PDB file of N, CA and C in Angstrom:
ATOM      1  N   MET A   1      58.144  84.305   3.311  1.00  0.00           N
ATOM      2  CA  MET A   1      59.049  84.534   2.184  1.00  0.00           C
ATOM      3  C   MET A   1      58.250  84.443   0.904  1.00  0.00           C
ATOM      4  N   LEU A   2      58.868  85.597   0.178  1.00  0.00           N
ATOM      5  CA  LEU A   2      57.953  86.153  -0.990  1.00  0.00           C
ATOM      6  C   LEU A   2      58.451  84.657  -2.145  1.00  0.00           C
ATOM      7  N   PHE A   3      59.651  84.195  -2.241  1.00  0.00           N
ATOM      8  CA  PHE A   3      59.736  82.943  -3.135  1.00  0.00           C
ATOM      9  C   PHE A   3      59.141  81.905  -2.603  1.00  0.00           C
ATOM     10  N   SER A   4      58.606  81.663  -1.525  1.00  0.00           N
ATOM     11  CA  SER A   4      58.053  79.861  -1.206  1.00  0.00           C
ATOM     12  C   SER A   4      57.185  79.785  -2.090  1.00  0.00           C
ATOM     13  N   ASP A   5      56.003  80.456  -2.503  1.00  0.00           N
ATOM     14  CA  ASP A   5      55.317  80.027  -3.618  1.00  0.00           C
ATOM     15  C   ASP A   5      55.820  79.778  -4.991  1.00  0.00           C
ATOM     16  N   TRP A   6      57.023  80.338  -5.244  1.00  0.00           N
ATOM     17  CA  TRP A   6      57.853  80.524  -6.834  1.00  0.00           C
ATOM     18  C   TRP A   6      58.302  79.026  -6.755  1.00  0.00           C
ATOM     19  N   TYR A   7      58.689  78.525  -5.744  1.00  0.00           N
ATOM     20  CA  TYR A   7      59.457  77.115  -5.709  1.00  0.00           C
ATOM     21  C   TYR A   7      58.633  75.895  -6.131  1.00  0.00           C
ATOM     22  N   THR A   8      58.724  75.608  -7.267  1.00  0.00           N
ATOM     23  CA  THR A   8      57.992  74.391  -7.654  1.00  0.00           C
ATOM     24  C   THR A   8      58.573  73.176  -7.721  1.00  0.00           C
ATOM     25  N   ASP A   9      59.889  73.217  -7.512  1.00  0.00           N
ATOM     26  CA  ASP A   9      60.821  71.950  -7.937  1.00  0.00           C
ATOM     27  C   ASP A   9      61.417  71.533  -6.819  1.00  0.00           C
ATOM     28  N   THR A  10      62.135  70.630  -6.508  1.00  0.00           N
ATOM     29  CA  THR A  10      62.915  69.875  -5.161  1.00  0.00           C
ATOM     30  C   THR A  10      64.058  69.423  -5.649  1.00  0.00           C
ATOM     31  N   VAL A  11      65.064  69.386  -4.743  1.00  0.00           N
ATOM     32  CA  VAL A  11      66.268  68.953  -4.973  1.00  0.00           C
ATOM     33  C   VAL A  11      66.845  68.207  -3.588  1.00  0.00           C
ATOM     34  N   THR A  12      67.800  67.277  -3.874  1.00  0.00           N
ATOM     35  CA  THR A  12      68.200  66.143  -2.918  1.00  0.00           C
ATOM     36  C   THR A  12      69.640  66.660  -3.426  1.00  0.00           C
ATOM     37  N   VAL A  13      70.448  66.843  -2.300  1.00  0.00           N
ATOM     38  CA  VAL A  13      72.038  67.067  -2.298  1.00  0.00           C
ATOM     39  C   VAL A  13      72.742  66.078  -1.766  1.00  0.00           C
ATOM     40  N   TYR A  14      73.587  65.682  -2.543  1.00  0.00           N
ATOM     41  CA  TYR A  14      74.540  64.488  -2.331  1.00  0.00           C
ATOM     42  C   TYR A  14      76.031  64.922  -2.449  1.00  0.00           C
ATOM     43  N   ARG A  15      76.753  64.555  -1.503  1.00  0.00           N
ATOM     44  CA  ARG A  15      78.271  65.078  -1.368  1.00  0.00           C
ATOM     45  C   ARG A  15      79.096  63.847  -1.343  1.00  0.00           C
ATOM     46  N   ILE A  16      80.259  64.023  -1.501  1.00  0.00           N
ATOM     47  CA  ILE A  16      81.127  63.122  -1.187  1.00  0.00           C
ATOM     48  C   ILE A  16      81.441  62.817   0.352  1.00  0.00           C
ATOM     49  N   GLN A  17      81.409  61.713   0.825  1.00  0.00           N
ATOM     50  CA  GLN A  17      81.756  61.406   2.409  1.00  0.00           C
ATOM     51  C   GLN A  17      83.058  60.457   2.082  1.00  0.00           C
ATOM     52  N   HIS A  18      83.982  60.547   2.854  1.00  0.00           N
ATOM     53  CA  HIS A  18      85.188  59.901   2.876  1.00  0.00           C
ATOM     54  C   HIS A  18      85.052  58.770   4.453  1.00  0.00           C
ATOM     55  N   THR A  19      85.126  57.310   4.033  1.00  0.00           N
ATOM     56  CA  THR A  19      84.808  56.521   5.046  1.00  0.00           C
ATOM     57  C   THR A  19      86.040  55.557   5.210  1.00  0.00           C
ATOM     58  N   LYS A  20      86.760  55.318   6.304  1.00  0.00           N
ATOM     59  CA  LYS A  20      88.147  54.916   6.139  1.00  0.00           C
ATOM     60  C   LYS A  20      87.969  53.377   7.313  1.00  0.00           C
ATOM     61  N   THR A  21      88.398  52.143   6.593  1.00  0.00           N
ATOM     62  CA  THR A  21      88.289  50.951   6.921  1.00  0.00           C
ATOM     63  C   THR A  21      89.897  50.509   6.948  1.00  0.00           C
ATOM     64  N   GLY A  22      90.308  50.335   8.393  1.00  0.00           N
ATOM     65  CA  GLY A  22      91.736  50.191   8.409  1.00  0.00           C
ATOM     66  C   GLY A  22      92.666  50.807   7.759  1.00  0.00           C
ATOM     67  N   ASN A  23      93.349  50.665   6.643  1.00  0.00           N
ATOM     68  CA  ASN A  23      94.314  51.706   5.776  1.00  0.00           C
ATOM     69  C   ASN A  23      93.577  51.789   4.727  1.00  0.00           C
ATOM     70  N   LEU A  24      92.171  51.287   4.296  1.00  0.00           N
ATOM     71  CA  LEU A  24      91.589  52.104   3.103  1.00  0.00           C
ATOM     72  C   LEU A  24      90.615  52.914   3.073  1.00  0.00           C
ATOM     73  N   THR A  25      90.744  53.916   2.429  1.00  0.00           N
ATOM     74  CA  THR A  25      89.724  54.969   2.259  1.00  0.00           C
ATOM     75  C   THR A  25      88.917  54.875   1.475  1.00  0.00           C
ATOM     76  N   ARG A  26      87.302  54.914   1.284  1.00  0.00           N
ATOM     77  CA  ARG A  26      86.492  54.971   0.503  1.00  0.00           C
ATOM     78  C   ARG A  26      85.673  56.212   0.411  1.00  0.00           C
ATOM     79  N   GLU A  27      85.479  56.492  -1.020  1.00  0.00           N
ATOM     80  CA  GLU A  27      84.632  57.686  -1.223  1.00  0.00           C
ATOM     81  C   GLU A  27      83.317  57.367  -1.772  1.00  0.00           C
ATOM     82  N   SER A  28      82.142  57.965  -1.195  1.00  0.00           N
ATOM     83  CA  SER A  28      81.054  57.643  -1.709  1.00  0.00           C
ATOM     84  C   SER A  28      79.911  58.877  -1.574  1.00  0.00           C
ATOM     85  N   ARG A  29      79.017  59.164  -2.463  1.00  0.00           N
ATOM     86  CA  ARG A  29      78.255  60.180  -2.567  1.00  0.00           C
ATOM     87  C   ARG A  29      77.098  59.607  -1.387  1.00  0.00           C
ATOM     88  N   GLU A  30      76.749  60.709  -0.568  1.00  0.00           N
ATOM     89  CA  GLU A  30      75.815  60.370   0.466  1.00  0.00           C
ATOM     90  C   GLU A  30      74.651  61.498   0.207  1.00  0.00           C
ATOM     91  N   ALA A  31      73.770  61.210   0.470  1.00  0.00           N
ATOM     92  CA  ALA A  31      72.538  62.210   0.804  1.00  0.00           C
ATOM     93  C   ALA A  31      72.928  63.204   1.986  1.00  0.00           C
ATOM     94  N   VAL A  32      72.775  64.597   1.681  1.00  0.00           N
ATOM     95  CA  VAL A  32      72.957  65.582   2.896  1.00  0.00           C
ATOM     96  C   VAL A  32      71.670  65.797   3.693  1.00  0.00           C
ATOM     97  N   ASN A  33      70.642  65.834   2.709  1.00  0.00           N
ATOM     98  CA  ASN A  33      69.207  66.370   3.271  1.00  0.00           C
ATOM     99  C   ASN A  33      68.463  64.973   3.414  1.00  0.00           C
ATOM    100  N   SER A  34      67.661  64.946   4.654  1.00  0.00           N
ATOM    101  CA  SER A  34      66.990  63.944   4.560  1.00  0.00           C
ATOM    102  C   SER A  34      65.380  64.299   3.927  1.00  0.00           C
ATOM    103  N   THR A  35      64.919  65.581   3.469  1.00  0.00           N
ATOM    104  CA  THR A  35      63.748  65.500   2.755  1.00  0.00           C
ATOM    105  C   THR A  35      63.773  66.564   1.741  1.00  0.00           C
ATOM    106  N   PRO A  36      63.668  66.504   0.696  1.00  0.00           N
ATOM    107  CA  PRO A  36      63.547  67.382  -0.249  1.00  0.00           C
ATOM    108  C   PRO A  36      63.690  68.791  -0.138  1.00  0.00           C
ATOM    109  N   ILE A  37      64.423  69.951  -0.660  1.00  0.00           N
ATOM    110  CA  ILE A  37      64.728  71.155  -0.651  1.00  0.00           C
ATOM    111  C   ILE A  37      63.858  71.763  -1.661  1.00  0.00           C
ATOM    112  N   PRO A  38      63.001  72.345  -1.374  1.00  0.00           N
ATOM    113  CA  PRO A  38      62.153  73.239  -2.248  1.00  0.00           C
ATOM    114  C   PRO A  38      63.216  74.220  -3.101  1.00  0.00           C
ATOM    115  N   CYS A  39      63.009  74.398  -4.396  1.00  0.00           N
ATOM    116  CA  CYS A  39      63.735  75.156  -5.310  1.00  0.00           C
ATOM    117  C   CYS A  39      63.067  75.476  -6.479  1.00  0.00           C
ATOM    118  N   ARG A  40      63.817  76.341  -7.163  1.00  0.00           N
ATOM    119  CA  ARG A  40      63.159  76.463  -8.615  1.00  0.00           C
ATOM    120  C   ARG A  40      64.613  76.522  -9.857  1.00  0.00           C
ATOM    121  N   VAL A  41      64.354  75.834 -10.542  1.00  0.00           N
ATOM    122  CA  VAL A  41      65.418  75.967 -11.900  1.00  0.00           C
ATOM    123  C   VAL A  41      64.881  76.942 -12.794  1.00  0.00           C
ATOM    124  N   TYR A  42      65.453  77.835 -13.009  1.00  0.00           N
ATOM    125  CA  TYR A  42      65.017  78.760 -14.299  1.00  0.00           C
ATOM    126  C   TYR A  42      66.325  79.237 -14.903  1.00  0.00           C
ATOM    127  N   ASN A  43      66.137  80.023 -16.037  1.00  0.00           N
ATOM    128  CA  ASN A  43      67.235  80.426 -16.903  1.00  0.00           C
ATOM    129  C   ASN A  43      68.114  79.319 -17.472  1.00  0.00           C
ATOM    130  N   THR A  44      67.409  78.111 -18.181  1.00  0.00           N
ATOM    131  CA  THR A  44      67.744  77.109 -18.622  1.00  0.00           C
ATOM    132  C   THR A  44      68.309  77.671 -20.287  1.00  0.00           C
ATOM    133  N   ALA A  45      69.113  76.996 -20.176  1.00  0.00           N
ATOM    134  CA  ALA A  45      70.257  76.945 -21.511  1.00  0.00           C
ATOM    135  C   ALA A  45      69.844  75.585 -22.466  1.00  0.00           C
ATOM    136  N   LEU A  46      68.819  75.840 -23.159  1.00  0.00           N
ATOM    137  CA  LEU A  46      68.654  74.347 -23.879  1.00  0.00           C
ATOM    138  C   LEU A  46      69.621  74.217 -24.806  1.00  0.00           C
ATOM    139  N   GLN A  47      70.078  73.099 -25.028  1.00  0.00           N
ATOM    140  CA  GLN A  47      70.959  72.541 -26.392  1.00  0.00           C
ATOM    141  C   GLN A  47      70.593  71.190 -26.807  1.00  0.00           C
ATOM    142  N   GLY A  48      70.870  71.008 -27.930  1.00  0.00           N
ATOM    143  CA  GLY A  48      70.659  69.718 -28.289  1.00  0.00           C
ATOM    144  C   GLY A  48      71.869  68.603 -27.878  1.00  0.00           C
ATOM    145  N   ALA A  49      71.916  67.440 -28.392  1.00  0.00           N
ATOM    146  CA  ALA A  49      72.803  66.458 -27.807  1.00  0.00           C
ATOM    147  C   ALA A  49      74.253  66.779 -28.630  1.00  0.00           C
ATOM    148  N   ASN A  50      75.216  66.678 -28.212  1.00  0.00           N
ATOM    149  CA  ASN A  50      76.552  66.958 -29.134  1.00  0.00           C
ATOM    150  C   ASN A  50      77.249  65.365 -29.321  1.00  0.00           C
ATOM    151  N   PRO A  51      76.876  65.126 -30.573  1.00  0.00           N
ATOM    152  CA  PRO A  51      77.883  63.876 -30.750  1.00  0.00           C
ATOM    153  C   PRO A  51      79.165  63.706 -30.667  1.00  0.00           C
ATOM    154  N   GLN A  52      79.534  62.881 -30.090  1.00  0.00           N
ATOM    155  CA  GLN A  52      80.991  62.763 -29.767  1.00  0.00           C
ATOM    156  C   GLN A  52      81.854  61.459 -30.360  1.00  0.00           C
ATOM    157  N   PRO A  53      83.016  61.043 -30.592  1.00  0.00           N
ATOM    158  CA  PRO A  53      83.151  59.759 -31.295  1.00  0.00           C
ATOM    159  C   PRO A  53      82.881  58.540 -30.490  1.00  0.00           C
ATOM    160  N   THR A  54      82.560  58.657 -29.254  1.00  0.00           N
ATOM    161  CA  THR A  54      82.066  57.293 -28.424  1.00  0.00           C
ATOM    162  C   THR A  54      80.903  57.691 -27.991  1.00  0.00           C
ATOM    163  N   ALA A  55      80.190  58.442 -27.730  1.00  0.00           N
ATOM    164  CA  ALA A  55      78.748  58.647 -27.279  1.00  0.00           C
ATOM    165  C   ALA A  55      78.071  60.089 -27.744  1.00  0.00           C
ATOM    166  N   ALA A  56      77.096  60.518 -27.630  1.00  0.00           N
ATOM    167  CA  ALA A  56      76.548  61.763 -27.617  1.00  0.00           C
ATOM    168  C   ALA A  56      76.446  62.209 -26.064  1.00  0.00           C
ATOM    169  N   VAL A  57      76.783  63.586 -26.030  1.00  0.00           N
ATOM    170  CA  VAL A  57      76.515  64.220 -24.899  1.00  0.00           C
ATOM    171  C   VAL A  57      75.912  65.163 -24.830  1.00  0.00           C
ATOM    172  N   ASP A  58      75.126  65.051 -23.895  1.00  0.00           N
ATOM    173  CA  ASP A  58      74.062  66.126 -23.310  1.00  0.00           C
ATOM    174  C   ASP A  58      74.678  67.408 -22.352  1.00  0.00           C
ATOM    175  N   ARG A  59      74.930  68.233 -22.554  1.00  0.00           N
ATOM    176  CA  ARG A  59      75.496  69.389 -21.748  1.00  0.00           C
ATOM    177  C   ARG A  59      74.753  70.722 -22.020  1.00  0.00           C
ATOM    178  N   LYS A  60      74.455  71.100 -20.450  1.00  0.00           N
ATOM    179  CA  LYS A  60      73.760  72.476 -20.332  1.00  0.00           C
ATOM    180  C   LYS A  60      74.182  72.815 -19.321  1.00  0.00           C
ATOM    181  N   THR A  61      74.007  74.230 -18.951  1.00  0.00           N
ATOM    182  CA  THR A  61      73.918  74.978 -18.008  1.00  0.00           C
ATOM    183  C   THR A  61      72.539  75.990 -17.409  1.00  0.00           C
ATOM    184  N   ASP A  62      72.225  75.654 -16.196  1.00  0.00           N
ATOM    185  CA  ASP A  62      71.177  76.110 -15.700  1.00  0.00           C
ATOM    186  C   ASP A  62      71.209  76.997 -14.533  1.00  0.00           C
ATOM    187  N   LYS A  63      70.446  77.305 -13.891  1.00  0.00           N
ATOM    188  CA  LYS A  63      70.378  78.025 -12.659  1.00  0.00           C
ATOM    189  C   LYS A  63      69.545  77.695 -11.743  1.00  0.00           C
ATOM    190  N   MET A  64      69.643  77.736 -10.412  1.00  0.00           N
ATOM    191  CA  MET A  64      68.512  77.198  -9.692  1.00  0.00           C
ATOM    192  C   MET A  64      68.596  78.438  -8.342  1.00  0.00           C
ATOM    193  N   ALA A  65      67.536  78.595  -7.814  1.00  0.00           N
ATOM    194  CA  ALA A  65      67.361  79.152  -6.443  1.00  0.00           C
ATOM    195  C   ALA A  65      66.463  78.480  -5.823  1.00  0.00           C
ATOM    196  N   CYS A  66      67.186  78.931  -4.182  1.00  0.00           N
ATOM    197  CA  CYS A  66      66.454  78.337  -2.945  1.00  0.00           C
ATOM    198  C   CYS A  66      66.782  79.053  -1.666  1.00  0.00           C
ATOM    199  N   ALA A  67      66.067  78.398  -0.861  1.00  0.00           N
ATOM    200  CA  ALA A  67      66.494  79.190   0.534  1.00  0.00           C
ATOM    201  C   ALA A  67      67.760  79.541   0.941  1.00  0.00           C
ATOM    202  N   VAL A  68      68.409  80.404   1.470  1.00  0.00           N
ATOM    203  CA  VAL A  68      69.813  80.798   1.850  1.00  0.00           C
ATOM    204  C   VAL A  68      70.219  79.946   2.859  1.00  0.00           C
ATOM    205  N   ASP A  69      69.407  79.020   3.864  1.00  0.00           N
ATOM    206  CA  ASP A  69      69.830  78.434   4.726  1.00  0.00           C
ATOM    207  C   ASP A  69      70.120  77.017   3.885  1.00  0.00           C
ATOM    208  N   ALA A  70      69.836  76.622   2.630  1.00  0.00           N
ATOM    209  CA  ALA A  70      70.206  75.425   2.437  1.00  0.00           C
ATOM    210  C   ALA A  70      71.572  74.833   2.052  1.00  0.00           C
ATOM    211  N   ASP A  71      72.081  73.684   2.451  1.00  0.00           N
ATOM    212  CA  ASP A  71      73.473  73.211   2.706  1.00  0.00           C
ATOM    213  C   ASP A  71      73.621  72.660   1.250  1.00  0.00           C
ATOM    214  N   ILE A  72      74.251  73.418   0.532  1.00  0.00           N
ATOM    215  CA  ILE A  72      74.934  73.361  -0.870  1.00  0.00           C
ATOM    216  C   ILE A  72      75.964  73.963  -0.950  1.00  0.00           C
ATOM    217  N   LYS A  73      77.087  73.264  -1.588  1.00  0.00           N
ATOM    218  CA  LYS A  73      78.175  73.702  -1.569  1.00  0.00           C
ATOM    219  C   LYS A  73      78.739  73.397  -3.267  1.00  0.00           C
ATOM    220  N   GLN A  74      79.740  73.993  -3.275  1.00  0.00           N
ATOM    221  CA  GLN A  74      80.287  73.711  -4.875  1.00  0.00           C
ATOM    222  C   GLN A  74      80.823  72.472  -4.936  1.00  0.00           C
ATOM    223  N   GLY A  75      80.550  71.491  -6.136  1.00  0.00           N
ATOM    224  CA  GLY A  75      80.666  70.095  -6.503  1.00  0.00           C
ATOM    225  C   GLY A  75      79.925  69.282  -5.994  1.00  0.00           C
ATOM    226  N   ASP A  76      78.933  69.524  -5.094  1.00  0.00           N
ATOM    227  CA  ASP A  76      78.031  68.799  -4.831  1.00  0.00           C
ATOM    228  C   ASP A  76      77.060  68.190  -6.207  1.00  0.00           C
ATOM    229  N   GLU A  77      76.600  67.071  -5.851  1.00  0.00           N
ATOM    230  CA  GLU A  77      75.745  66.359  -6.967  1.00  0.00           C
ATOM    231  C   GLU A  77      74.187  66.789  -6.282  1.00  0.00           C
ATOM    232  N   LEU A  78      73.335  67.396  -7.276  1.00  0.00           N
ATOM    233  CA  LEU A  78      72.019  67.934  -7.372  1.00  0.00           C
ATOM    234  C   LEU A  78      71.027  67.079  -8.028  1.00  0.00           C
ATOM    235  N   VAL A  79      70.195  66.199  -7.223  1.00  0.00           N
ATOM    236  CA  VAL A  79      69.307  65.540  -8.119  1.00  0.00           C
ATOM    237  C   VAL A  79      68.042  66.389  -7.832  1.00  0.00           C
ATOM    238  N   ILE A  80      67.490  67.275  -9.076  1.00  0.00           N
ATOM    239  CA  ILE A  80      66.400  67.750  -9.101  1.00  0.00           C
ATOM    240  C   ILE A  80      65.203  67.149  -9.771  1.00  0.00           C
ATOM    241  N   THR A  81      64.181  67.293  -8.855  1.00  0.00           N
ATOM    242  CA  THR A  81      62.652  66.841  -9.410  1.00  0.00           C
ATOM    243  C   THR A  81      62.040  68.223  -9.796  1.00  0.00           C
ATOM    244  N   ARG A  82      61.910  68.354 -11.425  1.00  0.00           N
ATOM    245  CA  ARG A  82      61.265  69.245 -11.787  1.00  0.00           C
ATOM    246  C   ARG A  82      59.510  69.315 -11.899  1.00  0.00           C
ATOM    247  N   GLY A  83      59.314  70.272 -10.928  1.00  0.00           N
ATOM    248  CA  GLY A  83      57.788  70.506 -10.600  1.00  0.00           C
ATOM    249  C   GLY A  83      57.304  69.246  -9.321  1.00  0.00           C
ATOM    250  N   GLY A  84      58.849  69.071  -8.696  1.00  0.00           N
ATOM    251  CA  GLY A  84      58.276  68.231  -7.603  1.00  0.00           C
ATOM    252  C   GLY A  84      57.336  68.597  -6.435  1.00  0.00           C
ATOM    253  N   LEU A  85      57.140  69.620  -6.242  1.00  0.00           N
ATOM    254  CA  LEU A  85      56.164  70.183  -5.151  1.00  0.00           C
ATOM    255  C   LEU A  85      54.480  70.518  -5.915  1.00  0.00           C
ATOM    256  N   VAL A  86      54.374  70.268  -7.381  1.00  0.00           N
ATOM    257  CA  VAL A  86      53.253  70.433  -7.794  1.00  0.00           C
ATOM    258  C   VAL A  86      52.969  69.353  -8.682  1.00  0.00           C
ATOM    259  N   GLY A  87      53.471  67.926  -8.528  1.00  0.00           N
ATOM    260  CA  GLY A  87      53.095  66.494  -9.161  1.00  0.00           C
ATOM    261  C   GLY A  87      53.900  66.451 -10.172  1.00  0.00           C
ATOM    262  N   GLY A  88      55.021  66.980 -10.201  1.00  0.00           N
ATOM    263  CA  GLY A  88      55.932  66.516 -11.220  1.00  0.00           C
ATOM    264  C   GLY A  88      57.108  65.477 -11.221  1.00  0.00           C
ATOM    265  N   SER A  89      57.528  64.882 -11.887  1.00  0.00           N
ATOM    266  CA  SER A  89      58.644  63.954 -11.318  1.00  0.00           C
ATOM    267  C   SER A  89      59.594  63.524 -12.544  1.00  0.00           C
ATOM    268  N   THR A  90      60.059  64.575 -13.399  1.00  0.00           N
ATOM    269  CA  THR A  90      61.094  64.209 -14.106  1.00  0.00           C
ATOM    270  C   THR A  90      62.278  64.608 -13.421  1.00  0.00           C
ATOM    271  N   VAL A  91      63.144  63.790 -13.507  1.00  0.00           N
ATOM    272  CA  VAL A  91      64.500  63.807 -12.891  1.00  0.00           C
ATOM    273  C   VAL A  91      65.520  64.388 -13.439  1.00  0.00           C
ATOM    274  N   GLU A  92      66.329  65.467 -12.915  1.00  0.00           N
ATOM    275  CA  GLU A  92      67.565  65.680 -13.876  1.00  0.00           C
ATOM    276  C   GLU A  92      68.983  65.871 -12.844  1.00  0.00           C
ATOM    277  N   ARG A  93      69.955  65.543 -13.199  1.00  0.00           N
ATOM    278  CA  ARG A  93      70.983  65.522 -12.533  1.00  0.00           C
ATOM    279  C   ARG A  93      72.205  66.503 -12.678  1.00  0.00           C
ATOM    280  N   TYR A  94      72.466  67.259 -11.601  1.00  0.00           N
ATOM    281  CA  TYR A  94      73.450  68.541 -12.041  1.00  0.00           C
ATOM    282  C   TYR A  94      74.554  68.272 -11.306  1.00  0.00           C
ATOM    283  N   ILE A  95      75.508  69.142 -11.457  1.00  0.00           N
ATOM    284  CA  ILE A  95      76.850  69.069 -10.515  1.00  0.00           C
ATOM    285  C   ILE A  95      76.774  70.932 -10.113  1.00  0.00           C
ATOM    286  N   ALA A  96      76.718  71.241  -8.597  1.00  0.00           N
ATOM    287  CA  ALA A  96      76.489  72.380  -8.463  1.00  0.00           C
ATOM    288  C   ALA A  96      77.718  73.369  -8.577  1.00  0.00           C
ATOM    289  N   GLY A  97      77.566  74.468  -8.788  1.00  0.00           N
ATOM    290  CA  GLY A  97      78.488  76.011  -9.103  1.00  0.00           C
ATOM    291  C   GLY A  97      78.877  76.324  -7.560  1.00  0.00           C
ATOM    292  N   LYS A  98      79.427  77.111  -7.528  1.00  0.00           N
ATOM    293  CA  LYS A  98      79.675  78.054  -6.032  1.00  0.00           C
ATOM    294  C   LYS A  98      78.278  78.796  -5.890  1.00  0.00           C
ATOM    295  N   PRO A  99      77.776  78.632  -4.974  1.00  0.00           N
ATOM    296  CA  PRO A  99      76.378  79.234  -4.318  1.00  0.00           C
ATOM    297  C   PRO A  99      76.584  81.023  -4.089  1.00  0.00           C
ATOM    298  N   GLN A 100      75.624  81.747  -4.603  1.00  0.00           N
ATOM    299  CA  GLN A 100      75.686  83.142  -4.689  1.00  0.00           C
ATOM    300  C   GLN A 100      74.661  83.320  -3.497  1.00  0.00           C
ATOM    301  N   TYR A 101      74.872  84.282  -2.515  1.00  0.00           N
ATOM    302  CA  TYR A 101      73.865  84.311  -1.731  1.00  0.00           C
ATOM    303  C   TYR A 101      73.381  85.868  -1.781  1.00  0.00           C
ATOM    304  N   PHE A 102      71.889  85.947  -1.818  1.00  0.00           N
ATOM    305  CA  PHE A 102      71.226  87.088  -1.952  1.00  0.00           C
ATOM    306  C   PHE A 102      70.567  87.468  -0.582  1.00  0.00           C
ATOM    307  N   TYR A 103      70.812  88.392   0.039  1.00  0.00           N
ATOM    308  CA  TYR A 103      70.064  88.519   1.578  1.00  0.00           C
ATOM    309  C   TYR A 103      69.314  89.826   1.433  1.00  0.00           C
ATOM    310  N   ASP A 104      68.087  89.995   2.200  1.00  0.00           N
ATOM    311  CA  ASP A 104      67.122  90.703   2.321  1.00  0.00           C
ATOM    312  C   ASP A 104      67.779  92.208   2.337  1.00  0.00           C
ATOM    313  N   PRO A 105      67.490  92.952   1.127  1.00  0.00           N
ATOM    314  CA  PRO A 105      68.322  94.486   1.141  1.00  0.00           C
ATOM    315  C   PRO A 105      67.512  95.428   1.850  1.00  0.00           C
ATOM    316  N   VAL A 106      66.557  95.345   2.459  1.00  0.00           N
ATOM    317  CA  VAL A 106      65.738  96.354   3.371  1.00  0.00           C
ATOM    318  C   VAL A 106      66.228  96.368   4.822  1.00  0.00           C
ATOM    319  N   GLY A 107      67.311  95.695   5.222  1.00  0.00           N
ATOM    320  CA  GLY A 107      67.594  95.643   6.692  1.00  0.00           C
ATOM    321  C   GLY A 107      66.414  95.161   7.711  1.00  0.00           C
ATOM    322  N   ILE A 108      66.009  95.478   8.418  1.00  0.00           N
ATOM    323  CA  ILE A 108      65.375  95.098   9.588  1.00  0.00           C
ATOM    324  C   ILE A 108      63.725  94.868   8.807  1.00  0.00           C
ATOM    325  N   HIS A 109      63.238  95.290   7.472  1.00  0.00           N
ATOM    326  CA  HIS A 109      62.115  95.047   7.048  1.00  0.00           C
ATOM    327  C   HIS A 109      62.370  93.886   6.260  1.00  0.00           C
ATOM    328  N   ARG A 110      61.439  92.742   6.630  1.00  0.00           N
ATOM    329  CA  ARG A 110      61.639  91.545   6.158  1.00  0.00           C
ATOM    330  C   ARG A 110      60.808  91.614   4.322  1.00  0.00           C
ATOM    331  N   THR A 111      61.485  91.630   3.469  1.00  0.00           N
ATOM    332  CA  THR A 111      60.616  91.681   2.356  1.00  0.00           C
ATOM    333  C   THR A 111      60.613  90.365   1.530  1.00  0.00           C
ATOM    334  N   GLY A 112      61.211  89.290   1.963  1.00  0.00           N
ATOM    335  CA  GLY A 112      61.203  87.937   1.565  1.00  0.00           C
ATOM    336  C   GLY A 112      61.757  87.853   0.290  1.00  0.00           C
ATOM    337  N   LEU A 113      62.693  88.717  -0.022  1.00  0.00           N
ATOM    338  CA  LEU A 113      63.799  88.583  -1.064  1.00  0.00           C
ATOM    339  C   LEU A 113      64.884  87.476  -1.123  1.00  0.00           C
ATOM    340  N   ASP A 114      65.270  87.396   0.153  1.00  0.00           N
ATOM    341  CA  ASP A 114      66.455  86.746   0.307  1.00  0.00           C
ATOM    342  C   ASP A 114      66.355  85.418  -0.180  1.00  0.00           C
ATOM    343  N   HIS A 115      67.537  84.610  -1.049  1.00  0.00           N
ATOM    344  CA  HIS A 115      67.678  83.361  -1.505  1.00  0.00           C
ATOM    345  C   HIS A 115      69.062  83.518  -1.908  1.00  0.00           C
ATOM    346  N   MET A 116      69.300  82.148  -2.399  1.00  0.00           N
ATOM    347  CA  MET A 116      70.746  81.687  -2.768  1.00  0.00           C
ATOM    348  C   MET A 116      70.374  81.172  -4.253  1.00  0.00           C
ATOM    349  N   GLU A 117      71.042  81.524  -4.995  1.00  0.00           N
ATOM    350  CA  GLU A 117      71.346  81.082  -6.645  1.00  0.00           C
ATOM    351  C   GLU A 117      72.627  80.186  -6.735  1.00  0.00           C
ATOM    352  N   VAL A 118      72.267  79.073  -7.564  1.00  0.00           N
ATOM    353  CA  VAL A 118      73.422  78.162  -7.538  1.00  0.00           C
ATOM    354  C   VAL A 118      73.523  77.864  -9.346  1.00  0.00           C
ATOM    355  N   GLY A 119      74.769  78.060  -9.685  1.00  0.00           N
ATOM    356  CA  GLY A 119      74.906  77.554 -11.206  1.00  0.00           C
ATOM    357  C   GLY A 119      74.828  76.107 -11.304  1.00  0.00           C
ATOM    358  N   LEU A 120      74.219  75.526 -12.130  1.00  0.00           N
ATOM    359  CA  LEU A 120      74.141  74.536 -12.560  1.00  0.00           C
ATOM    360  C   LEU A 120      74.933  73.906 -13.641  1.00  0.00           C
ATOM    361  N   LEU A 121      75.271  72.529 -13.889  1.00  0.00           N
ATOM    362  CA  LEU A 121      75.953  71.932 -14.960  1.00  0.00           C
ATOM    363  C   LEU A 121      75.543  70.436 -15.017  1.00  0.00           C
ATOM    364  N   ALA A 122      74.932  70.165 -16.140  1.00  0.00           N
ATOM    365  CA  ALA A 122      74.693  68.896 -16.403  1.00  0.00           C
ATOM    366  C   ALA A 122      75.351  68.477 -17.689  1.00  0.00           C
ATOM    367  N   ASP A 123      76.139  67.315 -17.528  1.00  0.00           N
ATOM    368  CA  ASP A 123      76.927  66.865 -18.308  1.00  0.00           C
ATOM    369  C   ASP A 123      77.058  65.250 -18.428  1.00  0.00           C
ATOM    370  N   ASN A 124      75.915  64.848 -19.301  1.00  0.00           N
ATOM    371  CA  ASN A 124      75.310  63.551 -19.162  1.00  0.00           C
ATOM    372  C   ASN A 124      75.532  62.970 -20.557  1.00  0.00           C
ATOM    373  N   ILE A 125      75.716  61.544 -20.685  1.00  0.00           N
ATOM    374  CA  ILE A 125      75.837  60.758 -21.780  1.00  0.00           C
ATOM    375  C   ILE A 125      74.378  60.945 -22.443  1.00  0.00           C
ATOM    376  N   ALA A 126      74.115  61.052 -23.366  1.00  0.00           N
ATOM    377  CA  ALA A 126      72.575  61.084 -23.920  1.00  0.00           C
ATOM    378  C   ALA A 126      72.220  59.680 -24.163  1.00  0.00           C
ATOM    379  N   GLU A 127      70.878  59.433 -23.808  1.00  0.00           N
ATOM    380  CA  GLU A 127      70.463  57.873 -23.784  1.00  0.00           C
ATOM    381  C   GLU A 127      70.045  57.696 -25.207  1.00  0.00           C
TER     382      GLU A 127
END
């Protein structure tokens, strides 16, 4: 795959799971993938913290690319380690937008251009 060397970050996907005990249903976010998925965050929209009456909010939108077979759905929580494949350790939390799939444009000839793009929303209270 052409993009495989381009992926320098990793992502762990968390999805809401429902567990029922008797008449009580609980929701919790559970990891979907057992090993981090190679990815790359790009097209970063840098903004400063936005002061609010109760706390400053850090809100930004980014984009992420990964393999088309990654199990990512709209609304999933994505925990991305920036530079995770090259020794980085900065962790960022996002909510996934609807994935957009881009398949190999040349039919039977494998160009390695197939990938998935996911819009990311970070909406966190600034520390």
